[in-house]
C-alpha cells in the first residue's frame, strides 16, 4: 500500500482535467433531482446540511466537509453548531430531531461487525421525530452525499470550489 507523507502539501487542482458534468451531462439532472427530493420541506434544510456535513466528516472527504460547512454558514447557522457537528453527541447545540438525524447518518455510514447498522431501536427513535416522508427524505439525503462522495474521492475537486468552477 502506497502512503503519502502527512506533511506533503495537497495541490490546488483537481485530479480530473474536466468537470464530471462536462463529461457526463446527465449528472446535472441527477444532482438537480436529488436536491429537489431533499428540498421537499419535510425536513428542515439545516438538518439536511448538518447530516451531509457529518457524512463528509465520517467518510473523511474535505471537499464535502467544506461544501456543507459553507452551506450552513450561508444559511446563517452559528459557528458553534457547525463546529460541533463532529462531536454532536455531547454538544448542547442540537435539537432532538437533529440528534436523531445525526445518529441515523452515523449508523448508515459507520459499519460495525457487532451490531446491525440501523437497528429497530434506532429506527423507532428517529421515527419519533420524523414521519415516513421525512424519514425517506433523510434517507435520500444520506444517499445523495454518498453518491457525491464517490465522485469527490475519484475526481478530487479542490475544497472550497464548486464542480462548476474552472478546473485549471
C-alpha atoms as a PDB file:
ATOM      1  CA  UNK A   1       0.000   0.000   0.000  1.00  0.00           C
ATOM      2  CA  UNK A   2       1.386   3.358  -1.010  1.00  0.00           C
ATOM      3  CA  UNK A   3       1.343   6.025   1.688  1.00  0.00           C
ATOM      4  CA  UNK A   4       1.859   9.721   1.391  1.00  0.00           C
ATOM      5  CA  UNK A   5       3.666  11.823   3.933  1.00  0.00           C
ATOM      6  CA  UNK A   6       1.230  13.752   6.103  1.00  0.00           C
ATOM      7  CA  UNK A   7       3.397  16.834   5.641  1.00  0.00           C
ATOM      8  CA  UNK A   8       3.132  16.773   1.834  1.00  0.00           C
ATOM      9  CA  UNK A   9       1.067  19.676   0.533  1.00  0.00           C
ATOM     10  CA  UNK A  10      -2.018  18.850  -1.483  1.00  0.00           C
ATOM     11  CA  UNK A  11      -2.100  20.517  -4.916  1.00  0.00           C
ATOM     12  CA  UNK A  12      -4.829  23.087  -5.535  1.00  0.00           C
ATOM     13  CA  UNK A  13      -6.055  21.443  -8.712  1.00  0.00           C
ATOM     14  CA  UNK A  14      -8.438  18.558  -9.174  1.00  0.00           C
ATOM     15  CA  UNK A  15      -7.289  15.102 -10.204  1.00  0.00           C
ATOM     16  CA  UNK A  16      -9.563  15.030 -13.249  1.00  0.00           C
ATOM     17  CA  UNK A  17      -8.900  17.530 -16.013  1.00  0.00           C
ATOM     18  CA  UNK A  18     -12.593  18.135 -16.715  1.00  0.00           C
ATOM     19  CA  UNK A  19     -15.653  18.787 -14.631  1.00  0.00           C
ATOM     20  CA  UNK A  20     -17.573  15.486 -14.336  1.00  0.00           C
ATOM     21  CA  UNK A  21     -20.746  17.268 -15.526  1.00  0.00           C
ATOM     22  CA  UNK A  22     -18.987  18.178 -18.773  1.00  0.00           C
ATOM     23  CA  UNK A  23     -18.036  14.543 -19.265  1.00  0.00           C
ATOM     24  CA  UNK A  24     -21.456  13.122 -18.305  1.00  0.00           C
ATOM     25  CA  UNK A  25     -24.073  15.891 -18.670  1.00  0.00           C
ATOM     26  CA  UNK A  26     -26.793  13.665 -17.170  1.00  0.00           C
ATOM     27  CA  UNK A  27     -25.073  14.161 -13.826  1.00  0.00           C
ATOM     28  CA  UNK A  28     -26.599  17.644 -13.659  1.00  0.00           C
ATOM     29  CA  UNK A  29     -30.081  16.117 -13.919  1.00  0.00           C
ATOM     30  CA  UNK A  30     -29.302  13.570 -11.195  1.00  0.00           C
ATOM     31  CA  UNK A  31     -27.941  16.310  -8.957  1.00  0.00           C
ATOM     32  CA  UNK A  32     -30.968  18.552  -9.526  1.00  0.00           C
ATOM     33  CA  UNK A  33     -33.392  15.680  -8.854  1.00  0.00           C
ATOM     34  CA  UNK A  34     -31.651  14.758  -5.602  1.00  0.00           C
ATOM     35  CA  UNK A  35     -31.625  18.389  -4.487  1.00  0.00           C
ATOM     36  CA  UNK A  36     -35.355  18.675  -5.223  1.00  0.00           C
ATOM     37  CA  UNK A  37     -36.040  15.428  -3.341  1.00  0.00           C
ATOM     38  CA  UNK A  38     -34.163  16.569  -0.237  1.00  0.00           C
ATOM     39  CA  UNK A  39     -35.683  20.051  -0.507  1.00  0.00           C
ATOM     40  CA  UNK A  40     -39.285  18.871  -0.249  1.00  0.00           C
ATOM     41  CA  UNK A  41     -39.590  20.689   3.112  1.00  0.00           C
ATOM     42  CA  UNK A  42     -40.424  17.570   5.117  1.00  0.00           C
ATOM     43  CA  UNK A  43     -37.052  18.010   6.840  1.00  0.00           C
ATOM     44  CA  UNK A  44     -35.546  21.451   7.519  1.00  0.00           C
ATOM     45  CA  UNK A  45     -32.749  22.339   5.082  1.00  0.00           C
ATOM     46  CA  UNK A  46     -30.445  22.993   8.055  1.00  0.00           C
ATOM     47  CA  UNK A  47     -30.947  19.412   9.250  1.00  0.00           C
ATOM     48  CA  UNK A  48     -30.193  18.074   5.771  1.00  0.00           C
ATOM     49  CA  UNK A  49     -26.971  20.116   5.697  1.00  0.00           C
ATOM     50  CA  UNK A  50     -25.978  19.005   9.202  1.00  0.00           C
ATOM     51  CA  UNK A  51     -26.470  15.369   8.173  1.00  0.00           C
ATOM     52  CA  UNK A  52     -24.488  15.873   4.982  1.00  0.00           C
ATOM     53  CA  UNK A  53     -21.689  17.687   6.816  1.00  0.00           C
ATOM     54  CA  UNK A  54     -21.462  14.792   9.268  1.00  0.00           C
ATOM     55  CA  UNK A  55     -21.412  12.343   6.356  1.00  0.00           C
ATOM     56  CA  UNK A  56     -18.492  14.223   4.784  1.00  0.00           C
ATOM     57  CA  UNK A  57     -16.658  14.094   8.104  1.00  0.00           C
ATOM     58  CA  UNK A  58     -17.313  10.374   8.554  1.00  0.00           C
ATOM     59  CA  UNK A  59     -16.045   9.439   5.096  1.00  0.00           C
ATOM     60  CA  UNK A  60     -13.091  11.807   5.506  1.00  0.00           C
ATOM     61  CA  UNK A  61     -13.729  13.959   2.450  1.00  0.00           C
ATOM     62  CA  UNK A  62     -12.517  17.547   2.742  1.00  0.00           C
ATOM     63  CA  UNK A  63     -14.357  18.715  -0.380  1.00  0.00           C
ATOM     64  CA  UNK A  64     -17.746  17.656   1.002  1.00  0.00           C
ATOM     65  CA  UNK A  65     -16.951  18.886   4.501  1.00  0.00           C
ATOM     66  CA  UNK A  66     -16.019  22.345   3.202  1.00  0.00           C
ATOM     67  CA  UNK A  67     -19.039  22.379   0.862  1.00  0.00           C
ATOM     68  CA  UNK A  68     -21.590  21.600   3.563  1.00  0.00           C
ATOM     69  CA  UNK A  69     -19.910  23.878   6.097  1.00  0.00           C
ATOM     70  CA  UNK A  70     -20.285  26.670   3.536  1.00  0.00           C
ATOM     71  CA  UNK A  71     -23.965  25.839   3.001  1.00  0.00           C
ATOM     72  CA  UNK A  72     -24.575  26.014   6.743  1.00  0.00           C
ATOM     73  CA  UNK A  73     -22.748  29.337   7.075  1.00  0.00           C
ATOM     74  CA  UNK A  74     -24.705  30.832   4.172  1.00  0.00           C
ATOM     75  CA  UNK A  75     -27.898  29.683   5.865  1.00  0.00           C
ATOM     76  CA  UNK A  76     -26.894  31.625   8.992  1.00  0.00           C
ATOM     77  CA  UNK A  77     -26.032  28.680  11.232  1.00  0.00           C
ATOM     78  CA  UNK A  78     -23.833  29.511  14.214  1.00  0.00           C
ATOM     79  CA  UNK A  79     -20.183  28.545  14.299  1.00  0.00           C
ATOM     80  CA  UNK A  80     -20.886  26.584  17.485  1.00  0.00           C
ATOM     81  CA  UNK A  81     -23.389  24.353  15.698  1.00  0.00           C
ATOM     82  CA  UNK A  82     -21.199  23.910  12.639  1.00  0.00           C
ATOM     83  CA  UNK A  83     -18.010  23.117  14.510  1.00  0.00           C
ATOM     84  CA  UNK A  84     -19.673  20.765  16.981  1.00  0.00           C
ATOM     85  CA  UNK A  85     -21.216  18.504  14.337  1.00  0.00           C
ATOM     86  CA  UNK A  86     -18.209  16.184  14.686  1.00  0.00           C
ATOM     87  CA  UNK A  87     -18.938  15.805  18.406  1.00  0.00           C
ATOM     88  CA  UNK A  88     -22.720  16.192  18.296  1.00  0.00           C
ATOM     89  CA  UNK A  89     -23.337  13.502  20.934  1.00  0.00           C
ATOM     90  CA  UNK A  90     -22.182  15.774  23.754  1.00  0.00           C
ATOM     91  CA  UNK A  91     -22.958  19.121  22.148  1.00  0.00           C
ATOM     92  CA  UNK A  92     -25.788  21.255  23.575  1.00  0.00           C
ATOM     93  CA  UNK A  93     -26.482  22.901  20.201  1.00  0.00           C
ATOM     94  CA  UNK A  94     -28.764  20.316  18.568  1.00  0.00           C
ATOM     95  CA  UNK A  95     -32.454  19.533  18.911  1.00  0.00           C
ATOM     96  CA  UNK A  96     -33.875  16.066  19.442  1.00  0.00           C
ATOM     97  CA  UNK A  97     -34.820  15.695  15.759  1.00  0.00           C
ATOM     98  CA  UNK A  98     -31.345  16.843  14.664  1.00  0.00           C
ATOM     99  CA  UNK A  99     -29.724  14.356  17.052  1.00  0.00           C
ATOM    100  CA  UNK A 100     -31.897  11.577  15.640  1.00  0.00           C
ATOM    101  CA  UNK A 101     -30.867  12.516  12.078  1.00  0.00           C
ATOM    102  CA  UNK A 102     -27.181  12.648  13.038  1.00  0.00           C
ATOM    103  CA  UNK A 103     -27.455   9.260  14.765  1.00  0.00           C
ATOM    104  CA  UNK A 104     -29.036   7.846  11.603  1.00  0.00           C
ATOM    105  CA  UNK A 105     -26.274   9.079   9.293  1.00  0.00           C
ATOM    106  CA  UNK A 106     -23.649   7.673  11.648  1.00  0.00           C
ATOM    107  CA  UNK A 107     -25.380   4.304  11.782  1.00  0.00           C
ATOM    108  CA  UNK A 108     -25.602   4.126   7.999  1.00  0.00           C
ATOM    109  CA  UNK A 109     -22.004   5.207   7.334  1.00  0.00           C
ATOM    110  CA  UNK A 110     -20.094   3.587  10.189  1.00  0.00           C
ATOM    111  CA  UNK A 111     -20.152  -0.168   9.747  1.00  0.00           C
ATOM    112  CA  UNK A 112     -19.896  -2.401  12.739  1.00  0.00           C
ATOM    113  CA  UNK A 113     -19.308  -6.122  12.904  1.00  0.00           C
ATOM    114  CA  UNK A 114     -21.006  -6.170  16.311  1.00  0.00           C
ATOM    115  CA  UNK A 115     -24.361  -4.558  15.580  1.00  0.00           C
ATOM    116  CA  UNK A 116     -26.952  -4.021  12.932  1.00  0.00           C
ATOM    117  CA  UNK A 117     -26.290  -0.626  11.351  1.00  0.00           C
ATOM    118  CA  UNK A 118     -29.828   0.723  11.626  1.00  0.00           C
ATOM    119  CA  UNK A 119     -31.383  -1.223  14.454  1.00  0.00           C
ATOM    120  CA  UNK A 120     -35.116  -1.343  15.090  1.00  0.00           C
ATOM    121  CA  UNK A 121     -34.452   0.726  18.221  1.00  0.00           C
ATOM    122  CA  UNK A 122     -32.666   3.475  16.279  1.00  0.00           C
ATOM    123  CA  UNK A 123     -35.352   3.437  13.592  1.00  0.00           C
ATOM    124  CA  UNK A 124     -38.021   3.856  16.284  1.00  0.00           C
ATOM    125  CA  UNK A 125     -36.112   6.751  17.864  1.00  0.00           C
ATOM    126  CA  UNK A 126     -35.778   8.520  14.512  1.00  0.00           C
ATOM    127  CA  UNK A 127     -39.437   7.813  13.688  1.00  0.00           C
ATOM    128  CA  UNK A 128     -40.446   9.592  16.915  1.00  0.00           C
ATOM    129  CA  UNK A 129     -39.226  12.804  15.280  1.00  0.00           C
ATOM    130  CA  UNK A 130     -39.923  12.234  11.588  1.00  0.00           C
ATOM    131  CA  UNK A 131     -42.936  10.935   9.702  1.00  0.00           C
ATOM    132  CA  UNK A 132     -42.452   8.449   6.862  1.00  0.00           C
ATOM    133  CA  UNK A 133     -41.955  11.135   4.196  1.00  0.00           C
ATOM    134  CA  UNK A 134     -39.365  12.948   6.310  1.00  0.00           C
ATOM    135  CA  UNK A 135     -37.580   9.700   7.151  1.00  0.00           C
ATOM    136  CA  UNK A 136     -37.441   8.850   3.457  1.00  0.00           C
ATOM    137  CA  UNK A 137     -36.114  12.344   2.756  1.00  0.00           C
ATOM    138  CA  UNK A 138     -33.354  11.847   5.345  1.00  0.00           C
ATOM    139  CA  UNK A 139     -32.505   8.537   3.710  1.00  0.00           C
ATOM    140  CA  UNK A 140     -32.266  10.251   0.321  1.00  0.00           C
ATOM    141  CA  UNK A 141     -30.054  12.981   1.846  1.00  0.00           C
ATOM    142  CA  UNK A 142     -27.653  10.331   3.133  1.00  0.00           C
ATOM    143  CA  UNK A 143     -27.715   8.612  -0.247  1.00  0.00           C
ATOM    144  CA  UNK A 144     -27.192  11.944  -2.005  1.00  0.00           C
ATOM    145  CA  UNK A 145     -23.997  12.682  -0.111  1.00  0.00           C
ATOM    146  CA  UNK A 146     -22.824   9.105  -0.622  1.00  0.00           C
ATOM    147  CA  UNK A 147     -23.400   9.436  -4.359  1.00  0.00           C
ATOM    148  CA  UNK A 148     -21.256  12.552  -4.481  1.00  0.00           C
ATOM    149  CA  UNK A 149     -18.652  11.052  -2.142  1.00  0.00           C
ATOM    150  CA  UNK A 150     -17.644   8.651  -4.895  1.00  0.00           C
ATOM    151  CA  UNK A 151     -17.302  11.494  -7.400  1.00  0.00           C
ATOM    152  CA  UNK A 152     -15.366  13.631  -4.913  1.00  0.00           C
ATOM    153  CA  UNK A 153     -12.975  10.828  -3.997  1.00  0.00           C
ATOM    154  CA  UNK A 154     -12.242   9.911  -7.615  1.00  0.00           C
ATOM    155  CA  UNK A 155     -12.283  13.361  -9.276  1.00  0.00           C
ATOM    156  CA  UNK A 156     -10.708  15.007  -6.212  1.00  0.00           C
ATOM    157  CA  UNK A 157     -12.085  18.534  -6.698  1.00  0.00           C
ATOM    158  CA  UNK A 158     -10.473  21.414  -4.866  1.00  0.00           C
ATOM    159  CA  UNK A 159     -12.102  22.092  -1.472  1.00  0.00           C
ATOM    160  CA  UNK A 160     -13.966  25.390  -1.453  1.00  0.00           C
ATOM    161  CA  UNK A 161     -14.653  25.342  -5.190  1.00  0.00           C
ATOM    162  CA  UNK A 162     -17.759  24.001  -6.809  1.00  0.00           C
ATOM    163  CA  UNK A 163     -17.613  21.439  -9.566  1.00  0.00           C
ATOM    164  CA  UNK A 164     -18.624  24.243 -11.942  1.00  0.00           C
ATOM    165  CA  UNK A 165     -15.609  26.419 -11.102  1.00  0.00           C
ATOM    166  CA  UNK A 166     -12.831  26.448 -13.691  1.00  0.00           C
ATOM    167  CA  UNK A 167     -10.686  23.341 -13.308  1.00  0.00           C
ATOM    168  CA  UNK A 168      -7.433  24.905 -14.363  1.00  0.00           C
END
